[in-house]
Amino acid sequence: MFSIVIPLYNKEENISKTLASVQEQSYTDYEIVIVNDGSTDNSVKKVEEVNDHRIKLYHKKNGGVSDARNFGIEKAKNPYIVFLDADDLWKPNYLEEMALIIQEYPEAGMYNCAHSVIYKGKAYDMDHDIKRGIIENYFKTCLTHVIAWTSATIVRKDVFDKVGGFPVGMISGEDVYTWAKIALQYPVAFHPDSLTIYIKQDETIVGRSNKKDNCKESWQDLFQEGNNDVNKYIAMKAILKGTRYAWGGYLSESRKIEKDFKYINDYSDVQHSWKKLYLLNRTPAFVKKMVLAYKQAVVKSNKSAS
């Protein structure tokens, strides 16, 4: 029933535990499609040490996580694609519970569940009040809740034939963009139980601020005339990208996003995000460099302390 797609790039410290969480599943009708995306550490060796005939290990030149996921989808033999990052974990009943909700709501194109977060050794459950079943308004709900997180997402394989795969070359938010594409065309079903575990790392804008997307896809493509919930959601995501561009010095790209999504000012509850981008686009470059240097120093200090 399931094809589990795991992109693998330099996760030698995590992949064994991740695979163990798959092997501990109470539901066993699955294959494990691991796509080695040009790892340079011992990740592949760790996989090869796992004795499981359901593992199919493929090797390809490094092309990024979207390219690796698309490759895995292409190789998958089963009708439902289950995504799992190489450093996340599943609870033993994840696949069993999701198989039940697929049976209950076969019309859905995507299935998600709540998840737990482990950050600096402490566990946190996803805080939500979402009921089991089809999400009534995916985009409105996503403004206040996390519905689709990659390692807690299952998609019918035939859905990708219609909407296309992940956007290769999108530096950040490639998964969120893909879920939005799917939600525009298919119902989304949700399981309220926390069935997966996200191992959260320190996040910073520093690492990706010096890169820009190299793909044809953009959030502007998803604009829906007259659909306020969709347009508010994509504007929020696009402005996050514009903020990253502004920090990285790509002012022409950032100001285009500022212009294209100025309509977000019509929504009083989220207009502050556009105003922040507006101000950031007019902040002198030397000031932004000083702030980035400070953030880099803080991240380095935190890593040294841990």
C-alpha atoms as a PDB file:
ATOM      1  CA  MET A   1       0.000   0.000   0.000  1.00  0.00           C
ATOM      2  CA  PHE A   2       2.712   2.500   1.002  1.00  0.00           C
ATOM      3  CA  SER A   3       5.962   3.612  -0.586  1.00  0.00           C
ATOM      4  CA  ILE A   4       8.047   5.444   2.012  1.00  0.00           C
ATOM      5  CA  VAL A   5      10.306   8.000   0.327  1.00  0.00           C
ATOM      6  CA  ILE A   6      13.375   9.101   2.291  1.00  0.00           C
ATOM      7  CA  PRO A   7      15.818  11.599   0.744  1.00  0.00           C
ATOM      8  CA  LEU A   8      19.273  10.986   2.207  1.00  0.00           C
ATOM      9  CA  TYR A   9      22.077  13.517   2.378  1.00  0.00           C
ATOM     10  CA  ASN A  10      24.738  13.355   5.094  1.00  0.00           C
ATOM     11  CA  LYS A  11      22.563  11.985   7.893  1.00  0.00           C
ATOM     12  CA  GLU A  12      24.907   9.321   9.268  1.00  0.00           C
ATOM     13  CA  GLU A  13      24.035  10.260  12.853  1.00  0.00           C
ATOM     14  CA  ASN A  14      20.271   9.967  12.338  1.00  0.00           C
ATOM     15  CA  ILE A  15      19.306   7.539   9.592  1.00  0.00           C
ATOM     16  CA  SER A  16      19.630   4.353  11.680  1.00  0.00           C
ATOM     17  CA  LYS A  17      17.128   5.608  14.279  1.00  0.00           C
ATOM     18  CA  THR A  18      14.813   6.849  11.544  1.00  0.00           C
ATOM     19  CA  LEU A  19      14.803   3.458   9.823  1.00  0.00           C
ATOM     20  CA  ALA A  20      14.291   1.695  13.150  1.00  0.00           C
ATOM     21  CA  SER A  21      11.130   3.753  13.698  1.00  0.00           C
ATOM     22  CA  VAL A  22       9.883   2.537  10.309  1.00  0.00           C
ATOM     23  CA  GLN A  23      10.678  -1.099  11.042  1.00  0.00           C
ATOM     24  CA  GLU A  24       8.789  -0.850  14.344  1.00  0.00           C
ATOM     25  CA  GLN A  25       5.529   0.006  12.572  1.00  0.00           C
ATOM     26  CA  SER A  26       2.566  -2.209  13.413  1.00  0.00           C
ATOM     27  CA  TYR A  27       1.452  -1.906   9.777  1.00  0.00           C
ATOM     28  CA  THR A  28       3.873  -3.715   7.474  1.00  0.00           C
ATOM     29  CA  ASP A  29       2.594  -3.353   3.889  1.00  0.00           C
ATOM     30  CA  TYR A  30       5.233  -0.953   2.620  1.00  0.00           C
ATOM     31  CA  GLU A  31       8.477  -0.503   0.735  1.00  0.00           C
ATOM     32  CA  ILE A  32      11.241   1.913   1.768  1.00  0.00           C
ATOM     33  CA  VAL A  33      12.625   3.990  -1.099  1.00  0.00           C
ATOM     34  CA  ILE A  34      15.836   5.688   0.020  1.00  0.00           C
ATOM     35  CA  VAL A  35      17.372   8.200  -2.382  1.00  0.00           C
ATOM     36  CA  ASN A  36      21.023   8.888  -1.645  1.00  0.00           C
ATOM     37  CA  ASP A  37      21.437  12.440  -2.911  1.00  0.00           C
ATOM     38  CA  GLY A  38      25.232  12.408  -3.184  1.00  0.00           C
ATOM     39  CA  SER A  39      26.056  11.914   0.500  1.00  0.00           C
ATOM     40  CA  THR A  40      29.722  12.407   1.413  1.00  0.00           C
ATOM     41  CA  ASP A  41      29.608  10.881   4.904  1.00  0.00           C
ATOM     42  CA  ASN A  42      28.766   7.351   6.102  1.00  0.00           C
ATOM     43  CA  SER A  43      25.010   7.634   5.528  1.00  0.00           C
ATOM     44  CA  VAL A  44      24.955   4.939   2.850  1.00  0.00           C
ATOM     45  CA  LYS A  45      26.997   2.572   5.008  1.00  0.00           C
ATOM     46  CA  LYS A  46      24.488   3.006   7.840  1.00  0.00           C
ATOM     47  CA  VAL A  47      21.632   2.093   5.488  1.00  0.00           C
ATOM     48  CA  GLU A  48      23.468  -0.940   4.125  1.00  0.00           C
ATOM     49  CA  GLU A  49      23.922  -2.213   7.672  1.00  0.00           C
ATOM     50  CA  VAL A  50      20.137  -2.521   8.040  1.00  0.00           C
ATOM     51  CA  ASN A  51      18.923  -5.959   6.995  1.00  0.00           C
ATOM     52  CA  ASP A  52      15.487  -5.417   5.467  1.00  0.00           C
ATOM     53  CA  HIS A  53      14.398  -6.665   2.036  1.00  0.00           C
ATOM     54  CA  ARG A  54      11.866  -3.819   1.815  1.00  0.00           C
ATOM     55  CA  ILE A  55      14.655  -1.233   1.532  1.00  0.00           C
ATOM     56  CA  LYS A  56      15.439  -0.053  -1.985  1.00  0.00           C
ATOM     57  CA  LEU A  57      18.503   2.181  -2.043  1.00  0.00           C
ATOM     58  CA  TYR A  58      19.086   4.428  -5.058  1.00  0.00           C
ATOM     59  CA  HIS A  59      22.046   6.683  -5.758  1.00  0.00           C
ATOM     60  CA  LYS A  60      22.048   9.948  -7.672  1.00  0.00           C
ATOM     61  CA  LYS A  61      24.123  13.078  -8.098  1.00  0.00           C
ATOM     62  CA  ASN A  62      23.328  15.759  -5.533  1.00  0.00           C
ATOM     63  CA  GLY A  63      20.386  17.790  -6.762  1.00  0.00           C
ATOM     64  CA  GLY A  64      18.650  18.937  -3.606  1.00  0.00           C
ATOM     65  CA  VAL A  65      15.782  17.581  -1.550  1.00  0.00           C
ATOM     66  CA  SER A  66      13.057  18.311  -4.131  1.00  0.00           C
ATOM     67  CA  ASP A  67      14.937  16.453  -6.840  1.00  0.00           C
ATOM     68  CA  ALA A  68      15.528  13.517  -4.480  1.00  0.00           C
ATOM     69  CA  ARG A  69      11.849  13.326  -3.503  1.00  0.00           C
ATOM     70  CA  ASN A  70      10.756  13.479  -7.141  1.00  0.00           C
ATOM     71  CA  PHE A  71      13.195  10.675  -7.945  1.00  0.00           C
ATOM     72  CA  GLY A  72      11.766   8.595  -5.111  1.00  0.00           C
ATOM     73  CA  ILE A  73       8.185   9.189  -6.254  1.00  0.00           C
ATOM     74  CA  GLU A  74       9.137   8.012  -9.738  1.00  0.00           C
ATOM     75  CA  LYS A  75      10.658   4.796  -8.374  1.00  0.00           C
ATOM     76  CA  ALA A  76       7.786   4.086  -5.965  1.00  0.00           C
ATOM     77  CA  LYS A  77       5.664   1.024  -6.753  1.00  0.00           C
ATOM     78  CA  ASN A  78       2.726   1.561  -4.387  1.00  0.00           C
ATOM     79  CA  PRO A  79      -0.304   3.891  -4.678  1.00  0.00           C
ATOM     80  CA  TYR A  80       0.402   6.009  -1.576  1.00  0.00           C
ATOM     81  CA  ILE A  81       3.608   8.004  -1.095  1.00  0.00           C
ATOM     82  CA  VAL A  82       4.650   8.483   2.528  1.00  0.00           C
ATOM     83  CA  PHE A  83       7.316  11.123   3.108  1.00  0.00           C
ATOM     84  CA  LEU A  84       9.930  10.846   5.829  1.00  0.00           C
ATOM     85  CA  ASP A  85      13.028  12.957   6.372  1.00  0.00           C
ATOM     86  CA  ALA A  86      16.172  11.079   7.355  1.00  0.00           C
ATOM     87  CA  ASP A  87      16.355  12.659  10.815  1.00  0.00           C
ATOM     88  CA  ASP A  88      12.719  12.368  11.924  1.00  0.00           C
ATOM     89  CA  LEU A  89      10.829   9.559  13.672  1.00  0.00           C
ATOM     90  CA  TRP A  90       7.472   7.793  13.567  1.00  0.00           C
ATOM     91  CA  LYS A  91       5.492   6.364  16.446  1.00  0.00           C
ATOM     92  CA  PRO A  92       4.775   2.615  15.991  1.00  0.00           C
ATOM     93  CA  ASN A  93       1.099   3.077  15.065  1.00  0.00           C
ATOM     94  CA  TYR A  94       1.584   5.851  12.485  1.00  0.00           C
ATOM     95  CA  LEU A  95       1.060   3.822   9.307  1.00  0.00           C
ATOM     96  CA  GLU A  96      -1.732   1.752  10.850  1.00  0.00           C
ATOM     97  CA  GLU A  97      -3.693   4.836  11.883  1.00  0.00           C
ATOM     98  CA  MET A  98      -3.117   6.575   8.559  1.00  0.00           C
ATOM     99  CA  ALA A  99      -4.251   3.482   6.645  1.00  0.00           C
ATOM    100  CA  LEU A 100      -7.538   3.715   8.549  1.00  0.00           C
ATOM    101  CA  ILE A 101      -8.080   7.369   7.727  1.00  0.00           C
ATOM    102  CA  ILE A 102      -7.292   6.684   4.065  1.00  0.00           C
ATOM    103  CA  GLN A 103      -9.993   4.021   4.136  1.00  0.00           C
ATOM    104  CA  GLU A 104     -12.427   6.487   5.725  1.00  0.00           C
ATOM    105  CA  TYR A 105     -11.714   9.343   3.300  1.00  0.00           C
ATOM    106  CA  PRO A 106     -10.621   7.856  -0.039  1.00  0.00           C
ATOM    107  CA  GLU A 107     -11.579  11.057  -1.863  1.00  0.00           C
ATOM    108  CA  ALA A 108      -8.704  12.997  -0.282  1.00  0.00           C
ATOM    109  CA  GLY A 109      -5.522  13.607  -2.223  1.00  0.00           C
ATOM    110  CA  MET A 110      -3.377  14.268   0.845  1.00  0.00           C
ATOM    111  CA  TYR A 111      -3.421  12.932   4.411  1.00  0.00           C
ATOM    112  CA  ASN A 112      -1.780  14.532   7.430  1.00  0.00           C
ATOM    113  CA  CYS A 113      -1.605  14.057  11.180  1.00  0.00           C
ATOM    114  CA  ALA A 114      -0.529  15.983  14.250  1.00  0.00           C
ATOM    115  CA  HIS A 115       3.082  15.657  15.356  1.00  0.00           C
ATOM    116  CA  SER A 116       5.336  16.085  18.357  1.00  0.00           C
ATOM    117  CA  VAL A 117       8.489  18.196  18.424  1.00  0.00           C
ATOM    118  CA  ILE A 118      11.707  17.398  20.238  1.00  0.00           C
ATOM    119  CA  TYR A 119      13.856  20.485  20.714  1.00  0.00           C
ATOM    120  CA  LYS A 120      16.979  20.552  22.851  1.00  0.00           C
ATOM    121  CA  GLY A 121      15.936  17.313  24.527  1.00  0.00           C
ATOM    122  CA  LYS A 122      12.405  18.437  25.422  1.00  0.00           C
ATOM    123  CA  ALA A 123       9.237  17.068  23.796  1.00  0.00           C
ATOM    124  CA  TYR A 124       6.271  19.216  22.810  1.00  0.00           C
ATOM    125  CA  ASP A 125       2.947  18.121  21.315  1.00  0.00           C
ATOM    126  CA  MET A 126       1.347  20.048  18.472  1.00  0.00           C
ATOM    127  CA  ASP A 127      -1.304  22.348  19.931  1.00  0.00           C
ATOM    128  CA  HIS A 128      -4.469  22.216  17.840  1.00  0.00           C
ATOM    129  CA  ASP A 129      -8.234  21.839  17.943  1.00  0.00           C
ATOM    130  CA  ILE A 130      -8.644  20.236  14.521  1.00  0.00           C
ATOM    131  CA  LYS A 131     -11.093  17.369  14.266  1.00  0.00           C
ATOM    132  CA  ARG A 132     -10.581  14.088  12.444  1.00  0.00           C
ATOM    133  CA  GLY A 133     -11.663  14.178   8.819  1.00  0.00           C
ATOM    134  CA  ILE A 134     -11.569  16.449   5.794  1.00  0.00           C
ATOM    135  CA  ILE A 135     -10.209  19.936   6.477  1.00  0.00           C
ATOM    136  CA  GLU A 136     -13.040  22.327   5.624  1.00  0.00           C
ATOM    137  CA  ASN A 137     -10.779  25.196   4.550  1.00  0.00           C
ATOM    138  CA  TYR A 138      -7.136  24.174   4.253  1.00  0.00           C
ATOM    139  CA  PHE A 139      -5.694  27.625   3.575  1.00  0.00           C
ATOM    140  CA  LYS A 140      -7.635  29.432   6.277  1.00  0.00           C
ATOM    141  CA  THR A 141      -6.724  26.729   8.785  1.00  0.00           C
ATOM    142  CA  CYS A 142      -3.049  26.901   7.801  1.00  0.00           C
ATOM    143  CA  LEU A 143      -2.896  30.557   8.809  1.00  0.00           C
ATOM    144  CA  THR A 144      -3.205  29.498  12.456  1.00  0.00           C
ATOM    145  CA  HIS A 145      -2.236  25.804  12.481  1.00  0.00           C
ATOM    146  CA  VAL A 146       0.400  23.514  11.022  1.00  0.00           C
ATOM    147  CA  ILE A 147      -1.531  20.990   8.936  1.00  0.00           C
ATOM    148  CA  ALA A 148       1.040  19.517   6.590  1.00  0.00           C
ATOM    149  CA  TRP A 149       4.500  18.716   7.899  1.00  0.00           C
ATOM    150  CA  THR A 150       6.626  16.604   5.584  1.00  0.00           C
ATOM    151  CA  SER A 151       7.287  13.578   7.805  1.00  0.00           C
ATOM    152  CA  ALA A 152       3.580  13.420   8.660  1.00  0.00           C
ATOM    153  CA  THR A 153       2.281  13.649   5.092  1.00  0.00           C
ATOM    154  CA  ILE A 154       0.929  10.982   2.739  1.00  0.00           C
ATOM    155  CA  VAL A 155      -0.080  11.719  -0.860  1.00  0.00           C
ATOM    156  CA  ARG A 156      -1.751   9.514  -3.456  1.00  0.00           C
ATOM    157  CA  LYS A 157       0.826   8.839  -6.156  1.00  0.00           C
ATOM    158  CA  ASP A 158      -1.595   9.691  -8.962  1.00  0.00           C
ATOM    159  CA  VAL A 159      -1.987  13.187  -7.495  1.00  0.00           C
ATOM    160  CA  PHE A 160       1.560  14.024  -8.563  1.00  0.00           C
ATOM    161  CA  ASP A 161       0.649  13.096 -12.149  1.00  0.00           C
ATOM    162  CA  LYS A 162      -1.806  16.000 -12.101  1.00  0.00           C
ATOM    163  CA  VAL A 163      -0.123  18.676  -9.973  1.00  0.00           C
ATOM    164  CA  GLY A 164       3.524  17.852 -10.714  1.00  0.00           C
ATOM    165  CA  GLY A 165       6.286  17.140  -8.242  1.00  0.00           C
ATOM    166  CA  PHE A 166       8.340  19.256  -5.874  1.00  0.00           C
ATOM    167  CA  PRO A 167       9.867  22.463  -7.308  1.00  0.00           C
ATOM    168  CA  VAL A 168      13.523  21.693  -8.007  1.00  0.00           C
ATOM    169  CA  GLY A 169      15.664  24.724  -7.232  1.00  0.00           C
ATOM    170  CA  MET A 170      13.356  26.268  -4.616  1.00  0.00           C
ATOM    171  CA  ILE A 171      15.694  26.933  -1.696  1.00  0.00           C
ATOM    172  CA  SER A 172      13.134  27.119   1.093  1.00  0.00           C
ATOM    173  CA  GLY A 173       9.491  26.127   1.478  1.00  0.00           C
ATOM    174  CA  GLU A 174       9.482  23.614  -1.383  1.00  0.00           C
ATOM    175  CA  ASP A 175       7.366  21.202   0.638  1.00  0.00           C
ATOM    176  CA  VAL A 176       4.856  23.821   1.803  1.00  0.00           C
ATOM    177  CA  TYR A 177       4.492  25.016  -1.797  1.00  0.00           C
ATOM    178  CA  THR A 178       3.789  21.462  -2.966  1.00  0.00           C
ATOM    179  CA  TRP A 179       1.172  20.866  -0.272  1.00  0.00           C
ATOM    180  CA  ALA A 180      -0.544  24.100  -1.297  1.00  0.00           C
ATOM    181  CA  LYS A 181      -0.644  22.980  -4.941  1.00  0.00           C
ATOM    182  CA  ILE A 182      -2.286  19.743  -3.883  1.00  0.00           C
ATOM    183  CA  ALA A 183      -4.775  21.438  -1.545  1.00  0.00           C
ATOM    184  CA  LEU A 184      -5.953  23.688  -4.376  1.00  0.00           C
ATOM    185  CA  GLN A 185      -7.168  20.633  -6.280  1.00  0.00           C
ATOM    186  CA  TYR A 186      -7.890  17.907  -3.720  1.00  0.00           C
ATOM    187  CA  PRO A 187      -9.500  17.518  -0.287  1.00  0.00           C
ATOM    188  CA  VAL A 188      -7.057  17.140   2.613  1.00  0.00           C
ATOM    189  CA  ALA A 189      -7.783  14.697   5.454  1.00  0.00           C
ATOM    190  CA  PHE A 190      -6.354  15.105   8.953  1.00  0.00           C
ATOM    191  CA  HIS A 191      -5.737  12.728  11.859  1.00  0.00           C
ATOM    192  CA  PRO A 192      -5.703  14.637  15.183  1.00  0.00           C
ATOM    193  CA  ASP A 193      -3.414  12.219  17.043  1.00  0.00           C
ATOM    194  CA  SER A 194       0.294  12.979  17.345  1.00  0.00           C
ATOM    195  CA  LEU A 195       1.826  10.076  15.420  1.00  0.00           C
ATOM    196  CA  THR A 196       5.195  11.431  14.271  1.00  0.00           C
ATOM    197  CA  ILE A 197       8.166  13.198  15.830  1.00  0.00           C
ATOM    198  CA  TYR A 198      10.016  16.183  14.415  1.00  0.00           C
ATOM    199  CA  ILE A 199      13.587  16.537  15.657  1.00  0.00           C
ATOM    200  CA  LYS A 200      13.903  20.309  15.549  1.00  0.00           C
ATOM    201  CA  GLN A 201      17.243  21.993  14.936  1.00  0.00           C
ATOM    202  CA  ASP A 202      18.146  25.627  15.579  1.00  0.00           C
ATOM    203  CA  GLU A 203      16.689  27.732  12.797  1.00  0.00           C
ATOM    204  CA  THR A 204      18.237  30.862  11.364  1.00  0.00           C
ATOM    205  CA  ILE A 205      17.829  32.986   8.283  1.00  0.00           C
ATOM    206  CA  VAL A 206      21.621  33.158   7.968  1.00  0.00           C
ATOM    207  CA  GLY A 207      22.186  29.855   6.192  1.00  0.00           C
ATOM    208  CA  ARG A 208      19.868  30.509   3.255  1.00  0.00           C
ATOM    209  CA  SER A 209      19.915  34.292   2.968  1.00  0.00           C
ATOM    210  CA  ASN A 210      22.748  34.256   0.430  1.00  0.00           C
ATOM    211  CA  LYS A 211      20.827  32.058  -2.017  1.00  0.00           C
ATOM    212  CA  LYS A 212      17.847  32.641  -4.247  1.00  0.00           C
ATOM    213  CA  ASP A 213      15.475  30.252  -5.930  1.00  0.00           C
ATOM    214  CA  ASN A 214      16.405  28.807  -9.297  1.00  0.00           C
ATOM    215  CA  CYS A 215      13.092  27.416 -10.457  1.00  0.00           C
ATOM    216  CA  LYS A 216      10.153  28.394 -12.634  1.00  0.00           C
ATOM    217  CA  GLU A 217       7.620  27.955  -9.842  1.00  0.00           C
ATOM    218  CA  SER A 218       6.656  30.818  -7.540  1.00  0.00           C
ATOM    219  CA  TRP A 219       3.955  31.638  -5.014  1.00  0.00           C
ATOM    220  CA  GLN A 220       2.480  34.088  -7.523  1.00  0.00           C
ATOM    221  CA  ASP A 221       1.441  31.064  -9.607  1.00  0.00           C
ATOM    222  CA  LEU A 222      -1.068  30.002  -6.956  1.00  0.00           C
ATOM    223  CA  PHE A 223      -3.031  33.279  -6.859  1.00  0.00           C
ATOM    224  CA  GLN A 224      -6.784  32.648  -7.079  1.00  0.00           C
ATOM    225  CA  GLU A 225      -8.938  35.585  -8.159  1.00  0.00           C
ATOM    226  CA  GLY A 226     -11.541  36.268  -5.478  1.00  0.00           C
ATOM    227  CA  ASN A 227     -10.300  33.598  -3.043  1.00  0.00           C
ATOM    228  CA  ASN A 228      -9.248  35.615  -0.002  1.00  0.00           C
ATOM    229  CA  ASP A 229      -8.118  32.655   2.105  1.00  0.00           C
ATOM    230  CA  VAL A 230      -5.797  31.280  -0.578  1.00  0.00           C
ATOM    231  CA  ASN A 231      -4.420  34.682  -1.487  1.00  0.00           C
ATOM    232  CA  LYS A 232      -3.746  35.667   2.108  1.00  0.00           C
ATOM    233  CA  TYR A 233      -1.909  32.386   2.683  1.00  0.00           C
ATOM    234  CA  ILE A 234       0.306  32.588  -0.406  1.00  0.00           C
ATOM    235  CA  ALA A 235       1.080  36.226   0.346  1.00  0.00           C
ATOM    236  CA  MET A 236       2.350  35.285   3.798  1.00  0.00           C
ATOM    237  CA  LYS A 237       4.590  32.589   2.319  1.00  0.00           C
ATOM    238  CA  ALA A 238       5.852  34.829  -0.466  1.00  0.00           C
ATOM    239  CA  ILE A 239       6.701  37.607   1.975  1.00  0.00           C
ATOM    240  CA  LEU A 240       8.791  35.152   3.993  1.00  0.00           C
ATOM    241  CA  LYS A 241      10.736  34.500   0.804  1.00  0.00           C
ATOM    242  CA  GLY A 242      10.971  38.233   0.140  1.00  0.00           C
ATOM    243  CA  THR A 243      12.406  38.700   3.622  1.00  0.00           C
ATOM    244  CA  ARG A 244      15.081  36.097   2.905  1.00  0.00           C
ATOM    245  CA  TYR A 245      15.917  37.839  -0.367  1.00  0.00           C
ATOM    246  CA  ALA A 246      16.137  41.206   1.370  1.00  0.00           C
ATOM    247  CA  TRP A 247      18.612  39.831   3.912  1.00  0.00           C
ATOM    248  CA  GLY A 248      20.638  38.252   1.106  1.00  0.00           C
ATOM    249  CA  GLY A 249      20.888  41.452  -0.919  1.00  0.00           C
ATOM    250  CA  TYR A 250      18.550  40.416  -3.745  1.00  0.00           C
ATOM    251  CA  LEU A 251      16.634  43.681  -3.616  1.00  0.00           C
ATOM    252  CA  SER A 252      15.099  43.552  -7.099  1.00  0.00           C
ATOM    253  CA  GLU A 253      13.540  40.164  -6.312  1.00  0.00           C
ATOM    254  CA  SER A 254      12.488  41.237  -2.834  1.00  0.00           C
ATOM    255  CA  ARG A 255      10.907  44.460  -4.058  1.00  0.00           C
ATOM    256  CA  LYS A 256       9.021  42.579  -6.762  1.00  0.00           C
ATOM    257  CA  ILE A 257       7.485  40.380  -4.068  1.00  0.00           C
ATOM    258  CA  GLU A 258       6.743  43.506  -2.030  1.00  0.00           C
ATOM    259  CA  LYS A 259       4.920  44.972  -5.036  1.00  0.00           C
ATOM    260  CA  ASP A 260       3.114  41.810  -6.164  1.00  0.00           C
ATOM    261  CA  PHE A 261       1.753  41.073  -2.702  1.00  0.00           C
ATOM    262  CA  LYS A 262       0.950  44.575  -1.542  1.00  0.00           C
ATOM    263  CA  TYR A 263      -2.678  43.472  -1.512  1.00  0.00           C
ATOM    264  CA  ILE A 264      -1.989  41.776   1.824  1.00  0.00           C
ATOM    265  CA  ASN A 265      -2.542  45.210   3.387  1.00  0.00           C
ATOM    266  CA  ASP A 266      -6.244  44.596   2.795  1.00  0.00           C
ATOM    267  CA  TYR A 267      -6.057  42.021   5.623  1.00  0.00           C
ATOM    268  CA  SER A 268      -5.502  43.881   8.883  1.00  0.00           C
ATOM    269  CA  ASP A 269      -4.482  40.770  10.818  1.00  0.00           C
ATOM    270  CA  VAL A 270      -1.431  40.046   8.634  1.00  0.00           C
ATOM    271  CA  GLN A 271      -0.509  43.385   7.056  1.00  0.00           C
ATOM    272  CA  HIS A 272       2.360  43.820   9.536  1.00  0.00           C
ATOM    273  CA  SER A 273       4.402  41.216   7.644  1.00  0.00           C
ATOM    274  CA  TRP A 274       4.321  43.302   4.464  1.00  0.00           C
ATOM    275  CA  LYS A 275       5.266  46.442   6.379  1.00  0.00           C
ATOM    276  CA  LYS A 276       8.296  44.672   7.853  1.00  0.00           C
ATOM    277  CA  LEU A 277       9.403  43.651   4.351  1.00  0.00           C
ATOM    278  CA  TYR A 278       8.863  47.219   3.134  1.00  0.00           C
ATOM    279  CA  LEU A 279      11.138  48.563   5.865  1.00  0.00           C
ATOM    280  CA  LEU A 280      13.737  45.830   5.380  1.00  0.00           C
ATOM    281  CA  ASN A 281      13.959  46.635   1.671  1.00  0.00           C
ATOM    282  CA  ARG A 282      14.902  50.181   2.645  1.00  0.00           C
ATOM    283  CA  THR A 283      17.390  49.288   5.366  1.00  0.00           C
ATOM    284  CA  PRO A 284      21.015  50.097   4.388  1.00  0.00           C
ATOM    285  CA  ALA A 285      23.039  47.046   3.345  1.00  0.00           C
ATOM    286  CA  PHE A 286      25.737  47.635   5.972  1.00  0.00           C
ATOM    287  CA  VAL A 287      23.133  47.495   8.751  1.00  0.00           C
ATOM    288  CA  LYS A 288      21.804  44.156   7.498  1.00  0.00           C
ATOM    289  CA  LYS A 289      25.359  42.789   7.262  1.00  0.00           C
ATOM    290  CA  MET A 290      25.978  43.771  10.877  1.00  0.00           C
ATOM    291  CA  VAL A 291      22.781  42.050  11.996  1.00  0.00           C
ATOM    292  CA  LEU A 292      23.618  38.879  10.040  1.00  0.00           C
ATOM    293  CA  ALA A 293      27.124  38.826  11.484  1.00  0.00           C
ATOM    294  CA  TYR A 294      25.663  39.096  14.971  1.00  0.00           C
ATOM    295  CA  LYS A 295      23.205  36.257  14.291  1.00  0.00           C
ATOM    296  CA  GLN A 296      26.015  34.075  12.943  1.00  0.00           C
ATOM    297  CA  ALA A 297      28.004  34.707  16.107  1.00  0.00           C
ATOM    298  CA  VAL A 298      25.020  33.783  18.284  1.00  0.00           C
ATOM    299  CA  VAL A 299      24.417  30.550  16.349  1.00  0.00           C
ATOM    300  CA  LYS A 300      28.102  29.635  16.608  1.00  0.00           C
ATOM    301  CA  SER A 301      28.090  30.385  20.329  1.00  0.00           C
ATOM    302  CA  ASN A 302      24.972  28.254  20.901  1.00  0.00           C
ATOM    303  CA  LYS A 303      26.508  25.325  19.031  1.00  0.00           C
ATOM    304  CA  SER A 304      29.700  25.603  21.073  1.00  0.00           C
ATOM    305  CA  ALA A 305      27.711  25.694  24.312  1.00  0.00           C
ATOM    306  CA  SER A 306      25.764  22.575  23.378  1.00  0.00           C
END
